[in-house]
Amino acid sequence: MGQLVRRVLLVEDDPGMRDAIRTLLERAGFHVAIARDGAEAWELLGHGPRPVAILTDLYTPRMTGHDLVARVRRTPRLASVPIIAMSGARADRSRPAAEAFLEKPFSREQLEWALARVGA
């Protein structure tokens, strides 16, 4: 019997940060879909498989993570997908519809904690 594929959507505009997080996720056994901003993520969510979790930077070009989270929560097919918000802004805790928050940079252990917390 085939192994269950755990897909995560990673939304991050910084190439170095994106590669580092993708590597951590892949080592943890996730299949990672990449979006550089909320608009690209929204496009992927519209026609791709439903992820087990979304990790999104809150500040990306074209469509912010805040806007992406709001759209996901208003879409019945996606509303229950757990969201982990990420930001380098120390004081930024404005994540009303996210189940977890990671302050960048974060460790592998912090990422694993957030993924476990949301049930991914």
PDB file of N, CA and C in Angstrom:
ATOM      1  N   MET A   1       0.849  -1.182   0.000  1.00  0.00           N
ATOM      2  CA  MET A   1       0.000   0.000   0.000  1.00  0.00           C
ATOM      3  C   MET A   1       0.892   1.241   0.000  1.00  0.00           C
ATOM      4  N   GLY A   2       0.524   2.275  -0.759  1.00  0.00           N
ATOM      5  CA  GLY A   2       1.316   3.499  -0.887  1.00  0.00           C
ATOM      6  C   GLY A   2       1.322   4.329   0.382  1.00  0.00           C
ATOM      7  N   GLN A   3       2.360   5.105   0.519  1.00  0.00           N
ATOM      8  CA  GLN A   3       2.495   5.979   1.685  1.00  0.00           C
ATOM      9  C   GLN A   3       1.665   7.241   1.473  1.00  0.00           C
ATOM     10  N   LEU A   4       1.043   7.717   2.526  1.00  0.00           N
ATOM     11  CA  LEU A   4       0.244   8.937   2.465  1.00  0.00           C
ATOM     12  C   LEU A   4       1.159  10.133   2.231  1.00  0.00           C
ATOM     13  N   VAL A   5       0.815  10.950   1.228  1.00  0.00           N
ATOM     14  CA  VAL A   5       1.606  12.145   0.928  1.00  0.00           C
ATOM     15  C   VAL A   5       1.071  13.296   1.766  1.00  0.00           C
ATOM     16  N   ARG A   6       1.961  13.885   2.564  1.00  0.00           N
ATOM     17  CA  ARG A   6       1.591  15.043   3.379  1.00  0.00           C
ATOM     18  C   ARG A   6       2.108  16.282   2.661  1.00  0.00           C
ATOM     19  N   ARG A   7       1.182  17.036   2.068  1.00  0.00           N
ATOM     20  CA  ARG A   7       1.548  18.230   1.313  1.00  0.00           C
ATOM     21  C   ARG A   7       1.420  19.473   2.171  1.00  0.00           C
ATOM     22  N   VAL A   8       2.435  20.318   2.078  1.00  0.00           N
ATOM     23  CA  VAL A   8       2.431  21.600   2.773  1.00  0.00           C
ATOM     24  C   VAL A   8       2.654  22.686   1.718  1.00  0.00           C
ATOM     25  N   LEU A   9       1.914  23.765   1.832  1.00  0.00           N
ATOM     26  CA  LEU A   9       2.127  24.920   0.970  1.00  0.00           C
ATOM     27  C   LEU A   9       2.967  25.930   1.741  1.00  0.00           C
ATOM     28  N   LEU A  10       4.126  26.267   1.194  1.00  0.00           N
ATOM     29  CA  LEU A  10       5.031  27.238   1.797  1.00  0.00           C
ATOM     30  C   LEU A  10       4.976  28.525   1.000  1.00  0.00           C
ATOM     31  N   VAL A  11       4.628  29.630   1.658  1.00  0.00           N
ATOM     32  CA  VAL A  11       4.526  30.939   1.021  1.00  0.00           C
ATOM     33  C   VAL A  11       5.605  31.836   1.616  1.00  0.00           C
ATOM     34  N   GLU A  12       6.642  32.103   0.820  1.00  0.00           N
ATOM     35  CA  GLU A  12       7.791  32.876   1.303  1.00  0.00           C
ATOM     36  C   GLU A  12       8.463  33.558   0.118  1.00  0.00           C
ATOM     37  N   ASP A  13       8.668  34.873   0.217  1.00  0.00           N
ATOM     38  CA  ASP A  13       9.260  35.617  -0.897  1.00  0.00           C
ATOM     39  C   ASP A  13      10.787  35.674  -0.846  1.00  0.00           C
ATOM     40  N   ASP A  14      11.386  35.450   0.311  1.00  0.00           N
ATOM     41  CA  ASP A  14      12.844  35.501   0.418  1.00  0.00           C
ATOM     42  C   ASP A  14      13.430  34.148  -0.016  1.00  0.00           C
ATOM     43  N   PRO A  15      14.241  34.136  -1.094  1.00  0.00           N
ATOM     44  CA  PRO A  15      14.751  32.857  -1.614  1.00  0.00           C
ATOM     45  C   PRO A  15      15.559  32.046  -0.601  1.00  0.00           C
ATOM     46  N   GLY A  16      16.421  32.695   0.176  1.00  0.00           N
ATOM     47  CA  GLY A  16      17.215  31.969   1.154  1.00  0.00           C
ATOM     48  C   GLY A  16      16.368  31.351   2.251  1.00  0.00           C
ATOM     49  N   MET A  17      15.432  32.122   2.769  1.00  0.00           N
ATOM     50  CA  MET A  17      14.526  31.628   3.810  1.00  0.00           C
ATOM     51  C   MET A  17      13.644  30.506   3.249  1.00  0.00           C
ATOM     52  N   ARG A  18      13.147  30.703   2.027  1.00  0.00           N
ATOM     53  CA  ARG A  18      12.294  29.698   1.380  1.00  0.00           C
ATOM     54  C   ARG A  18      13.031  28.369   1.242  1.00  0.00           C
ATOM     55  N   ASP A  19      14.284  28.403   0.780  1.00  0.00           N
ATOM     56  CA  ASP A  19      15.062  27.172   0.605  1.00  0.00           C
ATOM     57  C   ASP A  19      15.330  26.494   1.938  1.00  0.00           C
ATOM     58  N   ALA A  20      15.647  27.286   2.967  1.00  0.00           N
ATOM     59  CA  ALA A  20      15.925  26.715   4.287  1.00  0.00           C
ATOM     60  C   ALA A  20      14.685  26.034   4.867  1.00  0.00           C
ATOM     61  N   ILE A  21      13.530  26.689   4.767  1.00  0.00           N
ATOM     62  CA  ILE A  21      12.296  26.114   5.314  1.00  0.00           C
ATOM     63  C   ILE A  21      11.897  24.881   4.505  1.00  0.00           C
ATOM     64  N   ARG A  22      12.024  24.958   3.186  1.00  0.00           N
ATOM     65  CA  ARG A  22      11.683  23.802   2.339  1.00  0.00           C
ATOM     66  C   ARG A  22      12.529  22.593   2.736  1.00  0.00           C
ATOM     67  N   THR A  23      13.826  22.810   2.951  1.00  0.00           N
ATOM     68  CA  THR A  23      14.703  21.721   3.344  1.00  0.00           C
ATOM     69  C   THR A  23      14.250  21.098   4.664  1.00  0.00           C
ATOM     70  N   LEU A  24      13.922  21.934   5.646  1.00  0.00           N
ATOM     71  CA  LEU A  24      13.438  21.420   6.932  1.00  0.00           C
ATOM     72  C   LEU A  24      12.157  20.601   6.762  1.00  0.00           C
ATOM     73  N   LEU A  25      11.242  21.109   5.946  1.00  0.00           N
ATOM     74  CA  LEU A  25       9.976  20.402   5.727  1.00  0.00           C
ATOM     75  C   LEU A  25      10.185  19.073   5.010  1.00  0.00           C
ATOM     76  N   GLU A  26      11.040  19.077   3.997  1.00  0.00           N
ATOM     77  CA  GLU A  26      11.296  17.837   3.253  1.00  0.00           C
ATOM     78  C   GLU A  26      11.966  16.800   4.149  1.00  0.00           C
ATOM     79  N   ARG A  27      12.876  17.234   4.995  1.00  0.00           N
ATOM     80  CA  ARG A  27      13.527  16.305   5.935  1.00  0.00           C
ATOM     81  C   ARG A  27      12.533  15.734   6.942  1.00  0.00           C
ATOM     82  N   ALA A  28      11.472  16.483   7.205  1.00  0.00           N
ATOM     83  CA  ALA A  28      10.427  16.010   8.117  1.00  0.00           C
ATOM     84  C   ALA A  28       9.401  15.142   7.392  1.00  0.00           C
ATOM     85  N   GLY A  29       9.609  14.901   6.094  1.00  0.00           N
ATOM     86  CA  GLY A  29       8.741  13.994   5.348  1.00  0.00           C
ATOM     87  C   GLY A  29       7.597  14.633   4.588  1.00  0.00           C
ATOM     88  N   PHE A  30       7.609  15.956   4.446  1.00  0.00           N
ATOM     89  CA  PHE A  30       6.535  16.631   3.731  1.00  0.00           C
ATOM     90  C   PHE A  30       6.877  16.831   2.258  1.00  0.00           C
ATOM     91  N   HIS A  31       5.867  16.797   1.424  1.00  0.00           N
ATOM     92  CA  HIS A  31       5.988  17.231   0.031  1.00  0.00           C
ATOM     93  C   HIS A  31       5.659  18.719   0.069  1.00  0.00           C
ATOM     94  N   VAL A  32       6.537  19.556  -0.487  1.00  0.00           N
ATOM     95  CA  VAL A  32       6.392  21.001  -0.339  1.00  0.00           C
ATOM     96  C   VAL A  32       6.045  21.664  -1.671  1.00  0.00           C
ATOM     97  N   ALA A  33       4.938  22.378  -1.690  1.00  0.00           N
ATOM     98  CA  ALA A  33       4.593  23.242  -2.820  1.00  0.00           C
ATOM     99  C   ALA A  33       5.051  24.646  -2.433  1.00  0.00           C
ATOM    100  N   ILE A  34       5.614  25.365  -3.392  1.00  0.00           N
ATOM    101  CA  ILE A  34       6.198  26.675  -3.128  1.00  0.00           C
ATOM    102  C   ILE A  34       5.401  27.771  -3.820  1.00  0.00           C
ATOM    103  N   ALA A  35       5.177  28.864  -3.088  1.00  0.00           N
ATOM    104  CA  ALA A  35       4.604  30.079  -3.661  1.00  0.00           C
ATOM    105  C   ALA A  35       5.430  31.249  -3.148  1.00  0.00           C
ATOM    106  N   ARG A  36       5.717  32.198  -4.034  1.00  0.00           N
ATOM    107  CA  ARG A  36       6.526  33.360  -3.647  1.00  0.00           C
ATOM    108  C   ARG A  36       5.721  34.454  -2.972  1.00  0.00           C
ATOM    109  N   ASP A  37       4.404  34.402  -3.111  1.00  0.00           N
ATOM    110  CA  ASP A  37       3.545  35.406  -2.480  1.00  0.00           C
ATOM    111  C   ASP A  37       2.129  34.856  -2.369  1.00  0.00           C
ATOM    112  N   GLY A  38       1.260  35.632  -1.732  1.00  0.00           N
ATOM    113  CA  GLY A  38      -0.111  35.180  -1.531  1.00  0.00           C
ATOM    114  C   GLY A  38      -0.878  34.945  -2.813  1.00  0.00           C
ATOM    115  N   ALA A  39      -0.619  35.756  -3.836  1.00  0.00           N
ATOM    116  CA  ALA A  39      -1.329  35.586  -5.105  1.00  0.00           C
ATOM    117  C   ALA A  39      -0.978  34.252  -5.754  1.00  0.00           C
ATOM    118  N   GLU A  40       0.303  33.926  -5.756  1.00  0.00           N
ATOM    119  CA  GLU A  40       0.734  32.644  -6.320  1.00  0.00           C
ATOM    120  C   GLU A  40       0.179  31.482  -5.486  1.00  0.00           C
ATOM    121  N   ALA A  41       0.158  31.634  -4.183  1.00  0.00           N
ATOM    122  CA  ALA A  41      -0.396  30.610  -3.301  1.00  0.00           C
ATOM    123  C   ALA A  41      -1.883  30.401  -3.590  1.00  0.00           C
ATOM    124  N   TRP A  42      -2.611  31.494  -3.749  1.00  0.00           N
ATOM    125  CA  TRP A  42      -4.051  31.410  -4.013  1.00  0.00           C
ATOM    126  C   TRP A  42      -4.301  30.661  -5.321  1.00  0.00           C
ATOM    127  N   GLU A  43      -3.477  30.919  -6.315  1.00  0.00           N
ATOM    128  CA  GLU A  43      -3.585  30.223  -7.594  1.00  0.00           C
ATOM    129  C   GLU A  43      -3.355  28.716  -7.404  1.00  0.00           C
ATOM    130  N   LEU A  44      -2.318  28.346  -6.664  1.00  0.00           N
ATOM    131  CA  LEU A  44      -2.032  26.932  -6.400  1.00  0.00           C
ATOM    132  C   LEU A  44      -3.175  26.265  -5.632  1.00  0.00           C
ATOM    133  N   LEU A  45      -3.710  26.969  -4.655  1.00  0.00           N
ATOM    134  CA  LEU A  45      -4.803  26.409  -3.865  1.00  0.00           C
ATOM    135  C   LEU A  45      -6.065  26.215  -4.703  1.00  0.00           C
ATOM    136  N   GLY A  46      -6.211  27.015  -5.741  1.00  0.00           N
ATOM    137  CA  GLY A  46      -7.393  26.922  -6.593  1.00  0.00           C
ATOM    138  C   GLY A  46      -7.435  25.692  -7.473  1.00  0.00           C
ATOM    139  N   HIS A  47      -6.283  25.170  -7.837  1.00  0.00           N
ATOM    140  CA  HIS A  47      -6.290  24.020  -8.747  1.00  0.00           C
ATOM    141  C   HIS A  47      -5.397  22.863  -8.314  1.00  0.00           C
ATOM    142  N   GLY A  48      -4.706  23.020  -7.200  1.00  0.00           N
ATOM    143  CA  GLY A  48      -3.835  21.947  -6.725  1.00  0.00           C
ATOM    144  C   GLY A  48      -4.501  21.133  -5.642  1.00  0.00           C
ATOM    145  N   PRO A  49      -3.812  20.104  -5.163  1.00  0.00           N
ATOM    146  CA  PRO A  49      -4.360  19.314  -4.057  1.00  0.00           C
ATOM    147  C   PRO A  49      -4.403  20.134  -2.766  1.00  0.00           C
ATOM    148  N   ARG A  50      -5.324  19.782  -1.912  1.00  0.00           N
ATOM    149  CA  ARG A  50      -5.492  20.479  -0.631  1.00  0.00           C
ATOM    150  C   ARG A  50      -4.331  20.104   0.279  1.00  0.00           C
ATOM    151  N   PRO A  51      -3.605  21.099   0.787  1.00  0.00           N
ATOM    152  CA  PRO A  51      -2.469  20.793   1.670  1.00  0.00           C
ATOM    153  C   PRO A  51      -2.930  20.429   3.081  1.00  0.00           C
ATOM    154  N   VAL A  52      -2.034  19.757   3.832  1.00  0.00           N
ATOM    155  CA  VAL A  52      -2.340  19.460   5.235  1.00  0.00           C
ATOM    156  C   VAL A  52      -2.091  20.684   6.106  1.00  0.00           C
ATOM    157  N   ALA A  53      -1.313  21.647   5.574  1.00  0.00           N
ATOM    158  CA  ALA A  53      -1.049  22.898   6.294  1.00  0.00           C
ATOM    159  C   ALA A  53      -0.501  23.932   5.323  1.00  0.00           C
ATOM    160  N   ILE A  54      -0.667  25.200   5.687  1.00  0.00           N
ATOM    161  CA  ILE A  54      -0.102  26.324   4.939  1.00  0.00           C
ATOM    162  C   ILE A  54       0.826  27.064   5.894  1.00  0.00           C
ATOM    163  N   LEU A  55       2.065  27.282   5.451  1.00  0.00           N
ATOM    164  CA  LEU A  55       3.013  28.117   6.193  1.00  0.00           C
ATOM    165  C   LEU A  55       3.165  29.383   5.377  1.00  0.00           C
ATOM    166  N   THR A  56       2.761  30.508   5.913  1.00  0.00           N
ATOM    167  CA  THR A  56       2.834  31.729   5.130  1.00  0.00           C
ATOM    168  C   THR A  56       3.512  32.881   5.855  1.00  0.00           C
ATOM    169  N   ASP A  57       4.414  33.516   5.128  1.00  0.00           N
ATOM    170  CA  ASP A  57       4.988  34.772   5.587  1.00  0.00           C
ATOM    171  C   ASP A  57       3.842  35.783   5.561  1.00  0.00           C
ATOM    172  N   LEU A  58       3.793  36.663   6.534  1.00  0.00           N
ATOM    173  CA  LEU A  58       2.708  37.642   6.578  1.00  0.00           C
ATOM    174  C   LEU A  58       2.913  38.807   5.626  1.00  0.00           C
ATOM    175  N   TYR A  59       4.156  39.047   5.215  1.00  0.00           N
ATOM    176  CA  TYR A  59       4.443  40.203   4.362  1.00  0.00           C
ATOM    177  C   TYR A  59       5.106  39.762   3.076  1.00  0.00           C
ATOM    178  N   THR A  60       4.287  39.559   2.051  1.00  0.00           N
ATOM    179  CA  THR A  60       4.777  39.183   0.724  1.00  0.00           C
ATOM    180  C   THR A  60       4.193  40.151  -0.306  1.00  0.00           C
ATOM    181  N   PRO A  61       4.853  40.274  -1.457  1.00  0.00           N
ATOM    182  CA  PRO A  61       4.330  41.179  -2.497  1.00  0.00           C
ATOM    183  C   PRO A  61       3.023  40.653  -3.106  1.00  0.00           C
ATOM    184  N   ARG A  62       2.372  41.492  -3.846  1.00  0.00           N
ATOM    185  CA  ARG A  62       1.122  41.227  -4.566  1.00  0.00           C
ATOM    186  C   ARG A  62      -0.060  40.918  -3.657  1.00  0.00           C
ATOM    187  N   MET A  63       0.036  39.886  -2.825  1.00  0.00           N
ATOM    188  CA  MET A  63      -1.013  39.592  -1.841  1.00  0.00           C
ATOM    189  C   MET A  63      -0.308  39.176  -0.557  1.00  0.00           C
ATOM    190  N   THR A  64      -0.600  39.863   0.529  1.00  0.00           N
ATOM    191  CA  THR A  64       0.058  39.556   1.799  1.00  0.00           C
ATOM    192  C   THR A  64      -0.455  38.244   2.387  1.00  0.00           C
ATOM    193  N   GLY A  65       0.280  37.737   3.351  1.00  0.00           N
ATOM    194  CA  GLY A  65      -0.173  36.558   4.073  1.00  0.00           C
ATOM    195  C   GLY A  65      -1.468  36.812   4.814  1.00  0.00           C
ATOM    196  N   HIS A  66      -1.635  38.037   5.314  1.00  0.00           N
ATOM    197  CA  HIS A  66      -2.891  38.403   5.985  1.00  0.00           C
ATOM    198  C   HIS A  66      -4.072  38.219   5.034  1.00  0.00           C
ATOM    199  N   ASP A  67      -3.926  38.721   3.802  1.00  0.00           N
ATOM    200  CA  ASP A  67      -5.003  38.612   2.813  1.00  0.00           C
ATOM    201  C   ASP A  67      -5.236  37.167   2.389  1.00  0.00           C
ATOM    202  N   LEU A  68      -4.149  36.413   2.248  1.00  0.00           N
ATOM    203  CA  LEU A  68      -4.276  34.998   1.890  1.00  0.00           C
ATOM    204  C   LEU A  68      -5.048  34.245   2.975  1.00  0.00           C
ATOM    205  N   VAL A  69      -4.690  34.454   4.223  1.00  0.00           N
ATOM    206  CA  VAL A  69      -5.381  33.784   5.330  1.00  0.00           C
ATOM    207  C   VAL A  69      -6.872  34.120   5.297  1.00  0.00           C
ATOM    208  N   ALA A  70      -7.211  35.374   5.094  1.00  0.00           N
ATOM    209  CA  ALA A  70      -8.625  35.778   5.043  1.00  0.00           C
ATOM    210  C   ALA A  70      -9.359  35.060   3.920  1.00  0.00           C
ATOM    211  N   ARG A  71      -8.744  34.969   2.754  1.00  0.00           N
ATOM    212  CA  ARG A  71      -9.383  34.272   1.620  1.00  0.00           C
ATOM    213  C   ARG A  71      -9.553  32.786   1.900  1.00  0.00           C
ATOM    214  N   VAL A  72      -8.530  32.168   2.452  1.00  0.00           N
ATOM    215  CA  VAL A  72      -8.606  30.734   2.766  1.00  0.00           C
ATOM    216  C   VAL A  72      -9.745  30.486   3.748  1.00  0.00           C
ATOM    217  N   ARG A  73      -9.859  31.307   4.768  1.00  0.00           N
ATOM    218  CA  ARG A  73     -10.889  31.113   5.790  1.00  0.00           C
ATOM    219  C   ARG A  73     -12.305  31.328   5.245  1.00  0.00           C
ATOM    220  N   ARG A  74     -12.440  32.098   4.165  1.00  0.00           N
ATOM    221  CA  ARG A  74     -13.759  32.343   3.553  1.00  0.00           C
ATOM    222  C   ARG A  74     -14.121  31.295   2.498  1.00  0.00           C
ATOM    223  N   THR A  75     -13.219  30.372   2.199  1.00  0.00           N
ATOM    224  CA  THR A  75     -13.438  29.382   1.143  1.00  0.00           C
ATOM    225  C   THR A  75     -13.757  28.033   1.769  1.00  0.00           C
ATOM    226  N   PRO A  76     -14.986  27.545   1.615  1.00  0.00           N
ATOM    227  CA  PRO A  76     -15.395  26.313   2.296  1.00  0.00           C
ATOM    228  C   PRO A  76     -14.441  25.126   2.099  1.00  0.00           C
ATOM    229  N   ARG A  77     -13.931  24.910   0.925  1.00  0.00           N
ATOM    230  CA  ARG A  77     -13.049  23.768   0.648  1.00  0.00           C
ATOM    231  C   ARG A  77     -11.728  23.874   1.404  1.00  0.00           C
ATOM    232  N   LEU A  78     -11.316  25.092   1.756  1.00  0.00           N
ATOM    233  CA  LEU A  78     -10.012  25.318   2.375  1.00  0.00           C
ATOM    234  C   LEU A  78     -10.080  25.800   3.820  1.00  0.00           C
ATOM    235  N   ALA A  79     -11.251  26.190   4.272  1.00  0.00           N
ATOM    236  CA  ALA A  79     -11.387  26.875   5.568  1.00  0.00           C
ATOM    237  C   ALA A  79     -10.787  26.114   6.743  1.00  0.00           C
ATOM    238  N   SER A  80     -10.759  24.795   6.676  1.00  0.00           N
ATOM    239  CA  SER A  80     -10.248  24.012   7.807  1.00  0.00           C
ATOM    240  C   SER A  80      -8.759  23.683   7.693  1.00  0.00           C
ATOM    241  N   VAL A  81      -8.095  24.146   6.636  1.00  0.00           N
ATOM    242  CA  VAL A  81      -6.658  23.889   6.497  1.00  0.00           C
ATOM    243  C   VAL A  81      -5.913  24.700   7.564  1.00  0.00           C
ATOM    244  N   PRO A  82      -5.103  24.035   8.385  1.00  0.00           N
ATOM    245  CA  PRO A  82      -4.357  24.771   9.413  1.00  0.00           C
ATOM    246  C   PRO A  82      -3.334  25.723   8.794  1.00  0.00           C
ATOM    247  N   ILE A  83      -3.176  26.875   9.413  1.00  0.00           N
ATOM    248  CA  ILE A  83      -2.250  27.888   8.913  1.00  0.00           C
ATOM    249  C   ILE A  83      -1.237  28.240  10.003  1.00  0.00           C
ATOM    250  N   ILE A  84       0.020  28.254   9.587  1.00  0.00           N
ATOM    251  CA  ILE A  84       1.099  28.718  10.451  1.00  0.00           C
ATOM    252  C   ILE A  84       1.597  30.021   9.848  1.00  0.00           C
ATOM    253  N   ALA A  85       1.429  31.113  10.559  1.00  0.00           N
ATOM    254  CA  ALA A  85       1.891  32.416  10.091  1.00  0.00           C
ATOM    255  C   ALA A  85       3.346  32.598  10.516  1.00  0.00           C
ATOM    256  N   MET A  86       4.113  33.267   9.649  1.00  0.00           N
ATOM    257  CA  MET A  86       5.525  33.518   9.934  1.00  0.00           C
ATOM    258  C   MET A  86       5.820  34.989   9.682  1.00  0.00           C
ATOM    259  N   SER A  87       6.684  35.558  10.520  1.00  0.00           N
ATOM    260  CA  SER A  87       7.091  36.937  10.306  1.00  0.00           C
ATOM    261  C   SER A  87       8.420  37.189  11.001  1.00  0.00           C
ATOM    262  N   GLY A  88       9.199  38.074  10.403  1.00  0.00           N
ATOM    263  CA  GLY A  88      10.437  38.504  11.029  1.00  0.00           C
ATOM    264  C   GLY A  88      10.205  39.692  11.939  1.00  0.00           C
ATOM    265  N   ALA A  89       9.008  40.247  11.896  1.00  0.00           N
ATOM    266  CA  ALA A  89       8.675  41.407  12.729  1.00  0.00           C
ATOM    267  C   ALA A  89       8.384  40.938  14.154  1.00  0.00           C
ATOM    268  N   ARG A  90       9.274  41.276  15.066  1.00  0.00           N
ATOM    269  CA  ARG A  90       9.184  40.807  16.450  1.00  0.00           C
ATOM    270  C   ARG A  90       7.832  41.107  17.106  1.00  0.00           C
ATOM    271  N   ALA A  91       7.320  42.270  16.878  1.00  0.00           N
ATOM    272  CA  ALA A  91       6.088  42.670  17.558  1.00  0.00           C
ATOM    273  C   ALA A  91       4.833  42.196  16.831  1.00  0.00           C
ATOM    274  N   ASP A  92       4.988  41.597  15.660  1.00  0.00           N
ATOM    275  CA  ASP A  92       3.823  41.238  14.857  1.00  0.00           C
ATOM    276  C   ASP A  92       3.166  39.966  15.378  1.00  0.00           C
ATOM    277  N   ARG A  93       2.048  40.122  15.996  1.00  0.00           N
ATOM    278  CA  ARG A  93       1.274  38.967  16.462  1.00  0.00           C
ATOM    279  C   ARG A  93      -0.142  39.022  15.863  1.00  0.00           C
ATOM    280  N   SER A  94      -0.300  39.771  14.791  1.00  0.00           N
ATOM    281  CA  SER A  94      -1.622  39.942  14.177  1.00  0.00           C
ATOM    282  C   SER A  94      -1.921  38.757  13.272  1.00  0.00           C
ATOM    283  N   ARG A  95      -2.373  37.683  13.864  1.00  0.00           N
ATOM    284  CA  ARG A  95      -2.652  36.454  13.139  1.00  0.00           C
ATOM    285  C   ARG A  95      -4.009  35.892  13.553  1.00  0.00           C
ATOM    286  N   PRO A  96      -5.068  36.621  13.404  1.00  0.00           N
ATOM    287  CA  PRO A  96      -6.353  36.229  13.969  1.00  0.00           C
ATOM    288  C   PRO A  96      -6.878  34.875  13.511  1.00  0.00           C
ATOM    289  N   ALA A  97      -6.531  34.429  12.320  1.00  0.00           N
ATOM    290  CA  ALA A  97      -7.080  33.160  11.845  1.00  0.00           C
ATOM    291  C   ALA A  97      -6.014  32.081  11.672  1.00  0.00           C
ATOM    292  N   ALA A  98      -4.831  32.277  12.215  1.00  0.00           N
ATOM    293  CA  ALA A  98      -3.761  31.277  12.128  1.00  0.00           C
ATOM    294  C   ALA A  98      -3.699  30.480  13.419  1.00  0.00           C
ATOM    295  N   GLU A  99      -3.445  29.193  13.287  1.00  0.00           N
ATOM    296  CA  GLU A  99      -3.377  28.327  14.466  1.00  0.00           C
ATOM    297  C   GLU A  99      -2.039  28.412  15.196  1.00  0.00           C
ATOM    298  N   ALA A 100      -1.003  28.865  14.498  1.00  0.00           N
ATOM    299  CA  ALA A 100       0.316  28.975  15.123  1.00  0.00           C
ATOM    300  C   ALA A 100       1.078  30.129  14.489  1.00  0.00           C
ATOM    301  N   PHE A 101       2.094  30.609  15.209  1.00  0.00           N
ATOM    302  CA  PHE A 101       2.914  31.715  14.727  1.00  0.00           C
ATOM    303  C   PHE A 101       4.379  31.391  14.982  1.00  0.00           C
ATOM    304  N   LEU A 102       5.218  31.624  13.969  1.00  0.00           N
ATOM    305  CA  LEU A 102       6.660  31.449  14.105  1.00  0.00           C
ATOM    306  C   LEU A 102       7.351  32.772  13.810  1.00  0.00           C
ATOM    307  N   GLU A 103       8.215  33.167  14.717  1.00  0.00           N
ATOM    308  CA  GLU A 103       9.013  34.366  14.486  1.00  0.00           C
ATOM    309  C   GLU A 103      10.297  33.952  13.777  1.00  0.00           C
ATOM    310  N   LYS A 104      10.556  34.566  12.614  1.00  0.00           N
ATOM    311  CA  LYS A 104      11.753  34.234  11.845  1.00  0.00           C
ATOM    312  C   LYS A 104      12.954  35.001  12.371  1.00  0.00           C
ATOM    313  N   PRO A 105      14.121  34.387  12.385  1.00  0.00           N
ATOM    314  CA  PRO A 105      14.366  32.989  12.014  1.00  0.00           C
ATOM    315  C   PRO A 105      13.953  32.055  13.153  1.00  0.00           C
ATOM    316  N   PHE A 106      13.602  30.825  12.795  1.00  0.00           N
ATOM    317  CA  PHE A 106      13.191  29.847  13.799  1.00  0.00           C
ATOM    318  C   PHE A 106      13.975  28.556  13.595  1.00  0.00           C
ATOM    319  N   SER A 107      13.977  27.732  14.613  1.00  0.00           N
ATOM    320  CA  SER A 107      14.729  26.474  14.582  1.00  0.00           C
ATOM    321  C   SER A 107      13.878  25.338  14.020  1.00  0.00           C
ATOM    322  N   ARG A 108      14.547  24.240  13.723  1.00  0.00           N
ATOM    323  CA  ARG A 108      13.856  23.031  13.266  1.00  0.00           C
ATOM    324  C   ARG A 108      12.865  22.579  14.336  1.00  0.00           C
ATOM    325  N   GLU A 109      13.266  22.660  15.598  1.00  0.00           N
ATOM    326  CA  GLU A 109      12.387  22.245  16.698  1.00  0.00           C
ATOM    327  C   GLU A 109      11.140  23.120  16.786  1.00  0.00           C
ATOM    328  N   GLN A 110      11.305  24.423  16.583  1.00  0.00           N
ATOM    329  CA  GLN A 110      10.143  25.320  16.608  1.00  0.00           C
ATOM    330  C   GLN A 110       9.194  25.019  15.455  1.00  0.00           C
ATOM    331  N   LEU A 111       9.750  24.734  14.270  1.00  0.00           N
ATOM    332  CA  LEU A 111       8.916  24.386  13.124  1.00  0.00           C
ATOM    333  C   LEU A 111       8.173  23.083  13.392  1.00  0.00           C
ATOM    334  N   GLU A 112       8.876  22.098  13.915  1.00  0.00           N
ATOM    335  CA  GLU A 112       8.221  20.804  14.224  1.00  0.00           C
ATOM    336  C   GLU A 112       7.128  20.984  15.270  1.00  0.00           C
ATOM    337  N   TRP A 113       7.372  21.841  16.274  1.00  0.00           N
ATOM    338  CA  TRP A 113       6.348  22.125  17.280  1.00  0.00           C
ATOM    339  C   TRP A 113       5.094  22.711  16.630  1.00  0.00           C
ATOM    340  N   ALA A 114       5.290  23.685  15.742  1.00  0.00           N
ATOM    341  CA  ALA A 114       4.152  24.332  15.089  1.00  0.00           C
ATOM    342  C   ALA A 114       3.375  23.333  14.221  1.00  0.00           C
ATOM    343  N   LEU A 115       4.092  22.496  13.496  1.00  0.00           N
ATOM    344  CA  LEU A 115       3.430  21.500  12.650  1.00  0.00           C
ATOM    345  C   LEU A 115       2.646  20.501  13.502  1.00  0.00           C
ATOM    346  N   ALA A 116       3.228  20.079  14.605  1.00  0.00           N
ATOM    347  CA  ALA A 116       2.518  19.149  15.507  1.00  0.00           C
ATOM    348  C   ALA A 116       1.306  19.833  16.120  1.00  0.00           C
ATOM    349  N   ARG A 117       1.454  21.094  16.459  1.00  0.00           N
ATOM    350  CA  ARG A 117       0.348  21.838  17.086  1.00  0.00           C
ATOM    351  C   ARG A 117      -0.869  21.918  16.172  1.00  0.00           C
ATOM    352  N   VAL A 118      -0.606  22.063  14.857  1.00  0.00           N
ATOM    353  CA  VAL A 118      -1.739  22.174  13.915  1.00  0.00           C
ATOM    354  C   VAL A 118      -2.181  20.818  13.371  1.00  0.00           C
ATOM    355  N   GLY A 119      -1.488  19.764  13.786  1.00  0.00           N
ATOM    356  CA  GLY A 119      -1.882  18.416  13.367  1.00  0.00           C
ATOM    357  C   GLY A 119      -1.437  18.015  11.974  1.00  0.00           C
ATOM    358  N   ALA A 120      -0.390  18.652  11.466  1.00  0.00           N
ATOM    359  CA  ALA A 120       0.100  18.329  10.120  1.00  0.00           C
ATOM    360  C   ALA A 120       1.023  17.128  10.151  1.00  0.00           C
TER     361      ALA A 120
END
